[in-house]
Amino acid sequence: MIEVNRLRKVYHSAGGDIAALDGLDLSVPRGEIHGIVGPSGAGKSTLIRCLTGLSRPTSGSVIIDGQEITTLSARELRAQRRSIGLVFQDVNLFDSRTAAQNVEYPLEVAKSDRATRTARVAQLLDLVGLGDRSQSYPHQLSGGQQQRVGIARALAAEPPILLCDEPSSALDWSTTRQILQLISRVRDELGVTVLIITHEMSVVRQVCDSASKLEAGRITESGRLIDLVSTSSSLLASELLPLTGPLTGDTGSPVDVTASSLDIGIDRALQILSHLDDRSSIASGAVETIVGGTVARFRIDVAPEDRPALVRFLRDSGLRVEESAA
């Protein structure tokens, strides 16, 4: 659905060239909710501009729903942009338009007939839970309600892709949970592919099937959340499900164990770990709900000479095991 290959975007300035994107690769399958996380300056804004055709890359390709967009003319790009619904932190609703009129706007631009517009607007406002607020103006709506209108507007032209740029940064956590639940329901009911740009790991944990880490213009890690949190060497795993606390001994060779409700189960994992002998111990642990399941990570402190036997026992018991470096 979204394929980005060797994408490079260089900005020229008097002080020298700046590579905002430097050979970026990204693949998001149809129907998936994928999170892009990265610090300020990592290239998130430039990536958005390249995905939407607002900025021409220096080199590389961007394929959206089977269409290579980097070679399109300006006119073709305008039509192609209808395949991506955009949701931003600042919703930017028209103050002089009601909720219904805001949602209707993209359909007016597309010159849809009035009957089609009316039916589509009613359908989308019901979908986002605002069927009874169609005649309310933005100033009469809460921040969360405004974002719901923004999501409905982004879906008006039936795009196969929904691109959300920090969609919940301006909202409190309770409202954020509601918006993320809505995004998940939109994906399930409409089958859209969702790409979320965010700096909040809590957003990724709650709604994303997979995630990528963007650093200095490159994707440095990417994968499904369950696989990421099962890899002790993953920096994304340490942010998604951090293991904290010092080792209880001085082995320098801890063993990380992962279990989830999608495989062996947390209760079974705890039962297995309860059989550890006094030559090894749990140094730290974390439990978190992601992608509709529960994942637990434990770091076990073990003496080097006992590590092979422990790893064998844990793997034979069905646990995911990573032997960590110091």
Foldseek 3Di string as FASTA:
>chain_A
DKWWFQFWAWDQDPVGIAILAGGATDDFDFLFEEEEAEDPSLNPVVVVCCQLVVDATPDTFIADPNRTNNPDDPVVSVVVNLLEQEAEQPLPFDQVQFLLVSLLVVVVVVVDDPVLSVVLSCVLCVLLPNNVRRRHGPVVDDSLVSSSSSVSSSCSSPHQEYEYEQNDPVDDPVSVLSVLVSVQVCSVPSRHYYYYYDNDLVSQFAHGQKYFYGGSNYTPDIDGPLVQLLEPPHPNNCVNWNWDADAPDDQQKKKKWKDKPVWPHDVLLVVLQVPDDPQKDWGTKTWGHGPNIIMMMTIMDHHPVCVVVVVVSCVVSPIRMDTDGD
